[in-house]
Amino acid sequence: MLELGVTIQENSKGEWEIHTPPSVFPPHGVVSRPYPTREEALQAAKERIYE
């Protein structure tokens, strides 16, 4: 499987975001909308990857 470098990170408000690196979305990468839980962010990331 292709290594995308996508990470799930907590922001300063305690919400979780999906961070996609510049190697996938040049030139700056992409940060998703915040999700209330890590599990929801992880599920959303999986759905994006497999679509």
Protein backbone atom coordinates (compact mmCIF):
# COMPACT_ATOMS: atom_id res chain seq x y z
CA MET A 1 0.00 0.00 0.00
CA LEU A 2 1.18 3.51 -0.77
CA GLU A 3 2.49 5.39 2.27
CA LEU A 4 0.65 8.70 2.30
CA GLY A 5 2.02 10.23 5.50
CA VAL A 6 -1.47 11.18 6.69
CA THR A 7 -1.61 11.81 10.44
CA ILE A 8 -4.34 12.43 13.01
CA GLN A 9 -3.42 15.28 15.36
CA GLU A 10 -5.10 16.96 18.31
CA ASN A 11 -5.46 20.74 18.06
CA SER A 12 -5.34 23.31 20.87
CA LYS A 13 -9.12 22.99 21.41
CA GLY A 14 -8.96 19.25 22.06
CA GLU A 15 -10.43 18.43 18.64
CA TRP A 16 -8.85 16.05 16.15
CA GLU A 17 -7.75 16.90 12.60
CA ILE A 18 -6.52 14.90 9.64
CA HIS A 19 -3.20 16.31 8.37
CA THR A 20 -2.26 15.45 4.79
CA PRO A 21 1.34 16.34 3.86
CA PRO A 22 2.53 18.49 0.92
CA SER A 23 3.77 15.34 -0.84
CA VAL A 24 0.10 14.39 -1.33
CA PHE A 25 -1.44 17.88 -1.70
CA PRO A 26 1.26 20.34 -2.85
CA PRO A 27 2.36 22.93 -2.07
CA HIS A 28 1.28 23.17 1.61
CA GLY A 29 -0.68 20.04 2.49
CA VAL A 30 -4.24 20.00 3.82
CA VAL A 31 -5.79 20.03 7.29
CA SER A 32 -9.33 18.68 7.62
CA ARG A 33 -12.18 20.17 9.56
CA PRO A 34 -11.93 19.31 13.27
CA TYR A 35 -13.62 16.16 14.59
CA PRO A 36 -14.76 15.80 18.22
CA THR A 37 -13.04 12.46 18.79
CA ARG A 38 -9.93 10.73 17.48
CA GLU A 39 -12.04 7.76 16.40
CA GLU A 40 -14.24 9.95 14.18
CA ALA A 41 -11.18 11.55 12.58
CA LEU A 42 -9.62 8.14 12.00
CA GLN A 43 -12.79 6.82 10.36
CA ALA A 44 -13.02 9.88 8.11
CA ALA A 45 -9.37 9.46 7.11
CA LYS A 46 -9.96 5.81 6.20
CA GLU A 47 -12.97 6.76 4.09
CA ARG A 48 -10.93 9.37 2.22
CA ILE A 49 -8.06 7.01 1.54
CA TYR A 50 -10.23 4.21 0.18
CA GLU A 51 -12.58 6.34 -1.95
